[in-house]
Amino acid sequence: MLIEIKIPSVGESVTEALLAQWFKNDGDLVKNDEPLFVIETDKVTLEVVAEADGVLAITVAEGEMVAIGAVVGTLDSDGVARAAAPAAGGEPDEPAPAEPAKPVEPEPPAPEPAMAVPAPEPAPAPQETTRSDLSEFSLAPSVRRLVAEKNLDPTLIPGTGPDGRITKGDVVLYLESAPSSDSVTQPDRPAIPAAAPVDLEPAKPVSAAETVSRKPMSPIRQRIAARLLEAKHSTAMLTTFNEIDMSNLMAIRKQYKEAFKQKYGVNLGMMSSFIRACVEALKELPQINAFIDGKDFIEHHYYHIGVAVGSERGLVVPVIRHADQLSFAGLEQAIVDYVKKIQENRLELADLEGGTFTISNGGVYGSLLSTPILNTPQSAILGMHKIEKRPVVIDDEVVIRSMMYVALSYDHRIVDGREAVTFLKRIKEFVENPERMMMEI
């Protein structure tokens, strides 16, 4: 029985997808629930698995744009039995030819020593013909002129072009590496150029560095580019900065991380504290948890916090819904679940929709300071950065503390500077004194 493999629906607004990669080859035997291929849309990346055991027949190659619901292959469930039958019958036949093959080997032991002498002779012959293929007749006109001007033997020049062809760059590198004075004054030393290939090998990446490649942008990357341009062109974006002393939060995390993991099964990270701090600050400054719709302000009275996560296929922002109702363990678990779904290409469109505020942590990549771009239509985004020990003044004394720069980019049409600065100050107060979040003061 043939089972059609179709592109699944990932959302009402999505009409086509890119068949990014096949995990199996045409004719492979696959099992139920085994990943078959990956599709990419402008919003999500999703793995499609086999619905049954069968032999795969691919009808649409990877790299093609296909409509939602289109058939890209079939599974022949009856082919499983056919594939197993010859395998069972073939096993007893295989030892039979193997046995006569062994007695044949004892007969030529005597001729083998005699054959061993001519055996090395044919081996260099193909190499010589291969080098003769690199004669002036297969050289590009510019290469042929340069070889003639310098009176060079092309068979001594290693080629890095297609099929080993000699490029003009290969000739230039050969001239730079081989001392010309010796070759002119001492014609009896043709062995010197033989050492040139050893010196030229490190130079191969030089010619490779001049090559270029062109490939189409993935749907996700196209969507990211469009959203970034939209944010720059349609908002009055401004960024304000502050710095946070992370010493107290890091000390608490170090003190309780083992007990926290034993009780909840997840690590106690920094992100849950920042999410909780943002929620408390958003409650005090609701315009930051709002967006503009025409001539109206739409304020959200719920807190769906998006957390930017980098992946191999692009940046995605899964949304933690009702973050104000989750504990620290619940927030950490939600982040872990999303990261796992992204790694396994199981992120759904619903996971990315409905966010009211976004947090981006560039510090995990080593960023010291940046200006994050709005995730429209949201009116603000918080950028976290790496923790770095710096000298600071506390009680008129210079001490070394673990500090982090934070940045708040916001739409100045809806958020004034006073609200933005106040928002960052509240986050600073909550993170530097984590007990305030527990007491909600």
Protein backbone atom coordinates (compact mmCIF):
# COMPACT_ATOMS: atom_id res chain seq x y z
CA MET A 1 0.00 0.00 0.00
CA LEU A 2 1.30 3.45 -0.94
CA ILE A 3 1.08 6.16 1.72
CA GLU A 4 1.41 9.75 0.54
CA ILE A 5 3.84 12.04 2.38
CA LYS A 6 2.41 15.56 2.50
CA ILE A 7 3.58 18.95 3.75
CA PRO A 8 1.68 19.53 7.01
CA SER A 9 -0.16 22.71 7.90
CA VAL A 10 1.70 24.92 10.37
CA GLY A 11 -0.75 27.83 10.58
CA GLU A 12 -3.56 29.52 8.70
CA SER A 13 -1.34 32.30 7.38
CA VAL A 14 1.31 29.94 5.98
CA THR A 15 0.65 28.72 2.41
CA GLU A 16 4.04 27.31 1.37
CA ALA A 17 7.23 25.97 2.88
CA LEU A 18 10.81 25.19 1.91
CA LEU A 19 11.72 21.50 1.88
CA ALA A 20 15.05 22.19 3.53
CA GLN A 21 16.55 18.72 3.96
CA TRP A 22 15.78 15.04 3.47
CA PHE A 23 17.13 12.79 6.22
CA LYS A 24 16.65 9.68 4.06
CA ASN A 25 17.51 8.75 0.49
CA ASP A 26 15.21 7.53 -2.24
CA GLY A 27 14.61 3.81 -1.76
CA ASP A 28 15.57 3.72 1.92
CA LEU A 29 13.62 1.59 4.34
CA VAL A 30 12.16 3.81 7.10
CA LYS A 31 10.32 3.05 10.29
CA ASN A 32 7.25 4.59 11.88
CA ASP A 33 7.91 7.94 13.62
CA GLU A 34 11.38 8.16 12.08
CA PRO A 35 12.24 11.73 10.90
CA LEU A 36 11.97 12.04 7.12
CA PHE A 37 12.65 15.69 6.29
CA VAL A 38 12.68 19.26 7.59
CA ILE A 39 10.50 22.09 6.30
CA GLU A 40 11.07 25.80 6.84
CA THR A 41 8.52 28.57 6.69
CA ASP A 42 8.98 32.25 7.36
CA LYS A 43 8.14 31.56 11.00
CA VAL A 44 9.02 28.01 12.04
CA THR A 45 11.22 25.01 11.28
CA LEU A 46 9.50 21.63 11.60
CA GLU A 47 10.52 17.99 11.27
CA VAL A 48 8.10 15.61 9.50
CA VAL A 49 8.16 11.98 10.57
CA ALA A 50 7.05 8.78 8.85
CA GLU A 51 3.47 7.66 9.52
CA ALA A 52 4.31 3.97 9.01
CA ASP A 53 7.06 1.53 8.09
CA GLY A 54 7.83 1.45 4.38
CA VAL A 55 10.19 2.05 1.49
CA LEU A 56 10.63 5.74 0.72
CA ALA A 57 10.12 7.18 -2.75
CA ILE A 58 11.05 10.88 -3.04
CA THR A 59 9.19 12.98 -5.60
CA VAL A 60 10.30 16.49 -4.56
CA ALA A 61 13.97 17.24 -4.01
CA GLU A 62 15.26 19.25 -1.09
CA GLY A 63 15.62 22.98 -1.65
CA GLU A 64 12.23 23.28 -3.38
CA MET A 65 9.38 25.54 -2.29
CA VAL A 66 6.20 23.48 -1.95
CA ALA A 67 2.61 24.31 -1.11
CA ILE A 68 1.05 23.24 2.17
CA GLY A 69 -0.61 19.86 1.61
CA ALA A 70 1.56 19.01 -1.42
CA VAL A 71 2.77 15.42 -1.83
CA VAL A 72 6.59 15.20 -1.70
CA GLY A 73 6.98 11.43 -1.57
CA THR A 74 5.40 8.08 -0.81
CA LEU A 75 5.92 5.17 1.56
CA ASP A 76 5.41 1.65 0.21
CA SER A 77 4.40 -0.41 3.22
CA ASP A 78 4.35 -3.61 1.14
CA GLY A 79 7.96 -2.97 0.20
CA VAL A 80 9.05 -3.83 3.73
CA ALA A 81 8.19 -7.48 3.22
CA ARG A 82 9.75 -7.52 -0.28
CA ALA A 83 12.96 -5.94 1.06
CA ALA A 84 13.17 -8.54 3.84
CA ALA A 85 12.54 -11.58 1.56
CA PRO A 86 15.63 -11.30 -0.69
CA ALA A 87 17.74 -10.49 2.32
CA ALA A 88 16.73 -13.80 3.91
CA GLY A 89 17.34 -15.79 0.72
CA GLY A 90 20.61 -14.05 -0.09
CA GLU A 91 22.39 -15.00 3.09
CA PRO A 92 22.86 -18.75 2.28
CA ASP A 93 24.03 -17.94 -1.26
CA GLU A 94 26.74 -15.53 -0.17
CA PRO A 95 29.00 -18.08 1.60
CA ALA A 96 29.00 -20.34 -1.50
CA PRO A 97 30.84 -17.89 -3.79
CA ALA A 98 33.08 -16.91 -0.91
CA GLU A 99 34.47 -20.47 -0.59
CA PRO A 100 35.63 -20.89 -4.21
CA ALA A 101 37.21 -17.44 -4.02
CA LYS A 102 39.57 -18.61 -1.30
CA PRO A 103 40.99 -21.66 -3.12
CA VAL A 104 41.77 -19.48 -6.14
CA GLU A 105 44.20 -17.40 -4.05
CA PRO A 106 46.66 -20.28 -3.29
CA GLU A 107 47.25 -20.92 -7.02
CA PRO A 108 48.85 -17.56 -7.91
CA PRO A 109 51.30 -17.33 -4.98
CA ALA A 110 54.16 -18.36 -7.27
CA PRO A 111 53.40 -15.84 -10.03
CA GLU A 112 52.72 -13.06 -7.49
CA PRO A 113 56.42 -12.35 -6.79
CA ALA A 114 57.00 -12.11 -10.53
CA MET A 115 53.95 -9.89 -10.97
CA ALA A 116 55.10 -7.69 -8.13
CA VAL A 117 57.86 -6.21 -10.32
CA PRO A 118 55.66 -4.90 -13.14
CA ALA A 119 52.93 -3.89 -10.67
CA PRO A 120 54.68 -0.67 -9.58
CA GLU A 121 55.47 0.24 -13.19
CA PRO A 122 51.87 0.83 -14.33
CA ALA A 123 51.22 2.89 -11.20
CA PRO A 124 53.43 5.85 -12.18
CA ALA A 125 52.21 5.61 -15.78
CA PRO A 126 48.71 7.00 -15.00
CA GLN A 127 50.31 9.76 -12.95
CA GLU A 128 52.48 10.77 -15.89
CA THR A 129 49.50 10.82 -18.20
CA THR A 130 47.59 12.82 -15.62
CA ARG A 131 50.38 15.39 -15.53
CA SER A 132 50.54 15.40 -19.32
CA ASP A 133 46.88 16.36 -19.29
CA LEU A 134 48.04 19.57 -17.64
CA SER A 135 50.11 20.49 -20.68
CA GLU A 136 49.83 23.75 -22.52
CA PHE A 137 46.92 22.38 -24.53
CA SER A 138 44.67 22.33 -21.43
CA LEU A 139 45.90 25.63 -20.01
CA ALA A 140 43.88 28.80 -20.08
CA PRO A 141 45.28 31.43 -22.52
CA SER A 142 46.47 33.70 -19.69
CA VAL A 143 48.15 30.77 -17.95
CA ARG A 144 49.75 29.58 -21.21
CA ARG A 145 51.24 33.05 -21.86
CA LEU A 146 52.64 33.29 -18.34
CA VAL A 147 54.16 29.79 -18.55
CA ALA A 148 55.75 30.64 -21.91
CA GLU A 149 57.12 33.99 -20.69
CA LYS A 150 58.75 32.39 -17.64
CA ASN A 151 59.85 29.27 -19.57
CA LEU A 152 58.21 26.97 -16.99
CA ASP A 153 57.38 23.26 -17.11
CA PRO A 154 53.61 23.05 -16.33
CA THR A 155 53.98 19.47 -15.12
CA LEU A 156 55.91 20.78 -12.09
CA ILE A 157 53.21 23.25 -11.04
CA PRO A 158 50.53 21.90 -8.65
CA GLY A 159 47.06 22.82 -9.88
CA THR A 160 44.26 23.89 -7.54
CA GLY A 161 41.57 24.49 -10.17
CA PRO A 162 38.75 22.12 -11.17
CA ASP A 163 40.05 18.61 -11.96
CA GLY A 164 43.57 19.71 -10.98
CA ARG A 165 43.86 22.38 -13.67
CA ILE A 166 46.51 25.04 -13.26
CA THR A 167 45.27 28.54 -12.58
CA LYS A 168 47.14 31.80 -13.02
CA GLY A 169 47.36 32.04 -9.23
CA ASP A 170 49.06 28.64 -9.11
CA VAL A 171 51.75 29.88 -11.52
CA VAL A 172 52.30 33.08 -9.52
CA LEU A 173 52.62 31.12 -6.28
CA TYR A 174 55.03 28.72 -7.97
CA LEU A 175 57.22 31.60 -9.14
CA GLU A 176 57.20 33.15 -5.67
CA SER A 177 58.11 29.84 -4.01
CA ALA A 178 60.75 28.57 -6.47
CA PRO A 179 64.05 30.59 -6.49
CA SER A 180 64.48 31.73 -10.09
CA SER A 181 68.25 32.47 -9.76
CA ASP A 182 69.05 28.89 -8.92
CA SER A 183 66.98 27.51 -11.78
CA VAL A 184 68.82 29.77 -14.27
CA THR A 185 72.40 29.43 -13.02
CA GLN A 186 72.15 25.78 -12.06
CA PRO A 187 70.16 23.88 -14.69
CA ASP A 188 71.45 20.60 -13.23
CA ARG A 189 69.18 21.04 -10.19
CA PRO A 190 65.71 20.20 -11.48
CA ALA A 191 64.98 18.59 -8.10
CA ILE A 192 64.49 22.03 -6.50
CA PRO A 193 61.04 22.56 -8.01
CA ALA A 194 60.09 19.13 -6.66
CA ALA A 195 60.19 20.66 -3.19
CA ALA A 196 57.81 23.39 -4.32
CA PRO A 197 54.64 21.32 -3.78
CA VAL A 198 55.53 21.02 -0.11
CA ASP A 199 55.84 24.78 0.18
CA LEU A 200 52.77 25.42 -1.94
CA GLU A 201 50.33 23.34 0.10
CA PRO A 202 49.79 26.00 2.79
CA ALA A 203 49.12 28.50 -0.01
CA LYS A 204 46.06 26.60 -1.32
CA PRO A 205 43.66 28.33 1.11
CA VAL A 206 44.84 31.66 -0.37
CA SER A 207 43.26 30.87 -3.74
CA ALA A 208 40.25 29.30 -2.02
CA ALA A 209 39.70 32.51 -0.07
CA GLU A 210 39.00 34.32 -3.33
CA THR A 211 36.08 32.08 -4.23
CA VAL A 212 32.48 33.06 -3.54
CA SER A 213 29.28 31.11 -3.11
CA ARG A 214 25.69 32.15 -3.62
CA LYS A 215 22.73 30.53 -1.93
CA PRO A 216 19.15 31.66 -1.38
CA MET A 217 18.03 33.01 1.98
CA SER A 218 15.89 30.60 3.96
CA PRO A 219 12.28 31.63 4.63
CA ILE A 220 13.09 32.22 8.29
CA ARG A 221 16.05 34.45 7.42
CA GLN A 222 13.90 36.37 4.92
CA ARG A 223 11.26 36.87 7.60
CA ILE A 224 13.85 38.04 10.12
CA ALA A 225 15.23 40.54 7.62
CA ALA A 226 11.77 41.87 6.81
CA ARG A 227 10.83 42.22 10.47
CA LEU A 228 14.05 44.05 11.31
CA LEU A 229 13.58 46.51 8.47
CA GLU A 230 9.95 46.98 9.47
CA ALA A 231 10.99 47.78 13.04
CA LYS A 232 13.56 50.33 11.87
CA HIS A 233 11.22 52.04 9.40
CA SER A 234 7.89 51.98 11.24
CA THR A 235 8.90 52.81 14.82
CA ALA A 236 10.62 55.68 16.60
CA MET A 237 13.13 53.40 18.27
CA LEU A 238 15.40 54.64 21.03
CA THR A 239 17.68 52.79 23.45
CA THR A 240 18.59 53.56 27.05
CA PHE A 241 21.21 51.78 29.16
CA ASN A 242 22.03 50.88 32.73
CA GLU A 243 24.30 48.46 34.56
CA ILE A 244 23.45 45.89 37.18
CA ASP A 245 25.56 44.48 39.99
CA MET A 246 25.05 40.73 39.62
CA SER A 247 27.02 39.75 42.73
CA ASN A 248 24.05 39.07 45.04
CA LEU A 249 22.08 37.12 42.45
CA MET A 250 25.13 35.04 41.56
CA ALA A 251 25.77 34.29 45.24
CA ILE A 252 22.16 33.15 45.76
CA ARG A 253 22.32 31.02 42.64
CA LYS A 254 25.55 29.39 43.78
CA GLN A 255 24.12 28.72 47.23
CA TYR A 256 20.87 27.09 46.10
CA LYS A 257 21.55 25.69 42.62
CA GLU A 258 22.17 22.10 43.79
CA ALA A 259 19.10 21.98 46.02
CA PHE A 260 17.05 23.67 43.27
CA LYS A 261 18.04 21.10 40.69
CA GLN A 262 17.43 18.17 43.03
CA LYS A 263 13.92 19.41 43.80
CA TYR A 264 12.79 20.65 40.37
CA GLY A 265 15.04 18.79 37.92
CA VAL A 266 16.23 21.95 36.13
CA ASN A 267 19.15 24.30 36.61
CA LEU A 268 18.66 27.65 38.29
CA GLY A 269 19.72 30.18 35.66
CA MET A 270 19.74 33.95 35.38
CA MET A 271 16.91 34.22 32.86
CA SER A 272 14.13 33.31 35.29
CA SER A 273 15.16 36.17 37.59
CA PHE A 274 15.17 38.64 34.72
CA ILE A 275 11.78 37.44 33.49
CA ARG A 276 10.32 37.85 36.98
CA ALA A 277 11.94 41.30 37.32
CA CYS A 278 10.50 42.37 33.94
CA VAL A 279 7.02 41.19 34.90
CA GLU A 280 7.09 43.20 38.12
CA ALA A 281 8.34 46.29 36.27
CA LEU A 282 5.71 45.86 33.53
CA LYS A 283 2.98 45.85 36.18
CA GLU A 284 4.14 49.28 37.29
CA LEU A 285 4.64 50.67 33.76
CA PRO A 286 1.87 49.18 31.58
CA GLN A 287 2.64 51.33 28.51
CA ILE A 288 5.80 49.26 28.00
CA ASN A 289 3.54 46.19 27.82
CA ALA A 290 1.46 47.79 25.05
CA PHE A 291 1.54 48.52 21.33
CA ILE A 292 0.09 51.01 18.87
CA ASP A 293 -2.88 50.05 16.69
CA GLY A 294 -3.64 52.91 14.34
CA LYS A 295 -4.36 55.85 16.63
CA ASP A 296 -4.98 53.72 19.73
CA PHE A 297 -2.81 52.28 22.48
CA ILE A 298 -3.53 48.61 23.23
CA GLU A 299 -2.42 47.77 26.77
CA HIS A 300 -2.06 44.12 27.73
CA HIS A 301 -3.13 43.05 31.18
CA TYR A 302 -1.32 39.75 30.85
CA TYR A 303 2.39 39.02 30.52
CA HIS A 304 3.52 36.84 27.63
CA ILE A 305 7.31 37.13 27.65
CA GLY A 306 9.27 36.21 24.52
CA VAL A 307 12.77 34.84 24.99
CA ALA A 308 15.06 35.18 21.96
CA VAL A 309 16.90 31.93 21.20
CA GLY A 310 19.57 31.57 18.51
CA SER A 311 19.49 28.44 16.36
CA GLU A 312 21.35 27.13 13.33
CA ARG A 313 18.55 28.30 11.04
CA GLY A 314 18.03 31.73 12.58
CA LEU A 315 16.77 33.62 15.61
CA VAL A 316 13.40 32.55 17.01
CA VAL A 317 11.45 34.04 19.91
CA PRO A 318 9.25 31.46 21.68
CA VAL A 319 6.74 32.97 24.09
CA ILE A 320 6.33 32.02 27.76
CA ARG A 321 2.64 32.64 28.37
CA HIS A 322 1.36 34.09 31.65
CA ALA A 323 4.89 34.38 32.98
CA ASP A 324 3.52 36.17 36.06
CA GLN A 325 1.78 32.95 37.12
CA LEU A 326 4.89 30.75 36.90
CA SER A 327 7.43 30.05 39.62
CA PHE A 328 11.16 30.32 39.04
CA ALA A 329 11.21 26.57 38.42
CA GLY A 330 8.31 26.90 35.99
CA LEU A 331 10.10 29.62 34.05
CA GLU A 332 13.33 27.63 33.85
CA GLN A 333 11.44 24.52 32.73
CA ALA A 334 9.62 26.47 30.04
CA ILE A 335 12.94 27.73 28.66
CA VAL A 336 14.44 24.22 28.67
CA ASP A 337 11.38 22.81 26.87
CA TYR A 338 11.57 25.46 24.16
CA VAL A 339 15.30 24.95 23.60
CA LYS A 340 14.70 21.22 23.21
CA LYS A 341 11.87 21.79 20.72
CA ILE A 342 14.09 24.12 18.70
CA GLN A 343 16.92 21.59 18.62
CA GLU A 344 14.52 18.84 17.53
CA ASN A 345 12.74 21.08 14.97
CA ARG A 346 9.41 20.67 16.76
CA LEU A 347 8.67 24.35 17.38
CA GLU A 348 5.11 25.23 16.38
CA LEU A 349 3.73 28.49 15.08
CA ALA A 350 1.60 28.88 18.21
CA ASP A 351 4.81 28.87 20.29
CA LEU A 352 5.91 32.12 18.61
CA GLU A 353 2.70 34.14 18.68
CA GLY A 354 1.16 36.52 21.20
CA GLY A 355 4.25 37.93 22.95
CA THR A 356 3.89 41.29 24.72
CA PHE A 357 7.54 41.88 25.70
CA THR A 358 10.85 40.31 24.65
CA ILE A 359 14.16 39.56 26.38
CA SER A 360 17.32 38.91 24.37
CA ASN A 361 20.49 37.64 26.04
CA GLY A 362 23.48 38.46 23.85
CA GLY A 363 25.75 37.78 26.79
CA VAL A 364 25.75 34.05 26.07
CA TYR A 365 27.73 34.89 22.90
CA GLY A 366 30.07 37.30 24.70
CA SER A 367 28.35 40.59 23.82
CA LEU A 368 29.35 43.40 26.18
CA LEU A 369 26.90 46.02 24.91
CA SER A 370 24.34 46.27 22.09
CA THR A 371 21.14 48.01 21.03
CA PRO A 372 18.47 45.34 20.43
CA ILE A 373 15.88 45.93 17.71
CA LEU A 374 12.18 45.88 18.57
CA ASN A 375 10.17 42.72 18.01
CA THR A 376 7.20 44.50 16.43
CA PRO A 377 4.42 45.19 17.23
CA GLN A 378 5.79 45.14 20.79
CA SER A 379 6.88 48.50 22.14
CA ALA A 380 10.04 47.41 24.01
CA ILE A 381 12.77 44.78 24.25
CA LEU A 382 15.36 44.20 26.98
CA GLY A 383 18.91 43.29 26.02
CA MET A 384 21.09 41.39 28.50
CA HIS A 385 24.85 41.16 28.10
CA LYS A 386 27.80 39.24 29.49
CA ILE A 387 28.75 39.46 33.15
CA GLU A 388 32.17 41.02 33.60
CA LYS A 389 34.14 41.89 36.70
CA ARG A 390 34.77 45.65 36.85
CA PRO A 391 35.89 48.16 39.48
CA VAL A 392 32.95 50.10 40.91
CA VAL A 393 32.55 52.58 43.76
CA ILE A 394 30.50 51.35 46.73
CA ASP A 395 30.40 53.41 49.95
CA ASP A 396 33.23 55.59 48.62
CA GLU A 397 35.45 52.57 48.11
CA VAL A 398 36.57 51.00 44.83
CA VAL A 399 35.69 47.31 44.80
CA ILE A 400 35.57 44.58 42.14
CA ARG A 401 32.02 43.47 41.34
CA SER A 402 30.39 41.28 38.71
CA MET A 403 28.59 43.76 36.48
CA MET A 404 26.24 43.49 33.51
CA TYR A 405 25.15 46.17 31.06
CA VAL A 406 21.46 46.12 30.16
CA ALA A 407 19.77 47.97 27.31
CA LEU A 408 16.11 48.79 26.77
CA SER A 409 15.09 49.63 23.20
CA TYR A 410 11.61 51.12 23.01
CA ASP A 411 9.17 52.81 20.67
CA HIS A 412 9.34 56.48 21.61
CA ARG A 413 5.87 57.04 20.18
CA ILE A 414 4.31 55.20 23.09
CA VAL A 415 7.05 55.09 25.74
CA ASP A 416 8.64 58.29 27.08
CA GLY A 417 12.19 58.50 28.34
CA ARG A 418 10.97 58.75 31.93
CA GLU A 419 9.13 55.43 31.72
CA ALA A 420 12.05 53.73 29.98
CA VAL A 421 14.61 54.87 32.54
CA THR A 422 12.28 54.01 35.41
CA PHE A 423 11.70 50.55 33.94
CA LEU A 424 15.43 49.82 33.80
CA LYS A 425 15.95 51.16 37.31
CA ARG A 426 13.24 48.84 38.64
CA ILE A 427 14.86 45.85 36.94
CA LYS A 428 18.18 46.89 38.43
CA GLU A 429 16.64 47.08 41.91
CA PHE A 430 14.97 43.68 41.60
CA VAL A 431 18.03 41.86 40.27
CA GLU A 432 20.50 43.45 42.67
CA ASN A 433 18.17 42.63 45.58
CA PRO A 434 16.43 39.37 44.60
CA GLU A 435 14.53 39.26 47.88
CA ARG A 436 12.46 42.23 46.66
CA MET A 437 10.98 40.01 43.94
CA MET A 438 10.02 37.43 46.54
CA MET A 439 8.31 40.08 48.65
CA GLU A 440 7.00 41.95 45.58
CA ILE A 441 8.14 45.34 46.92
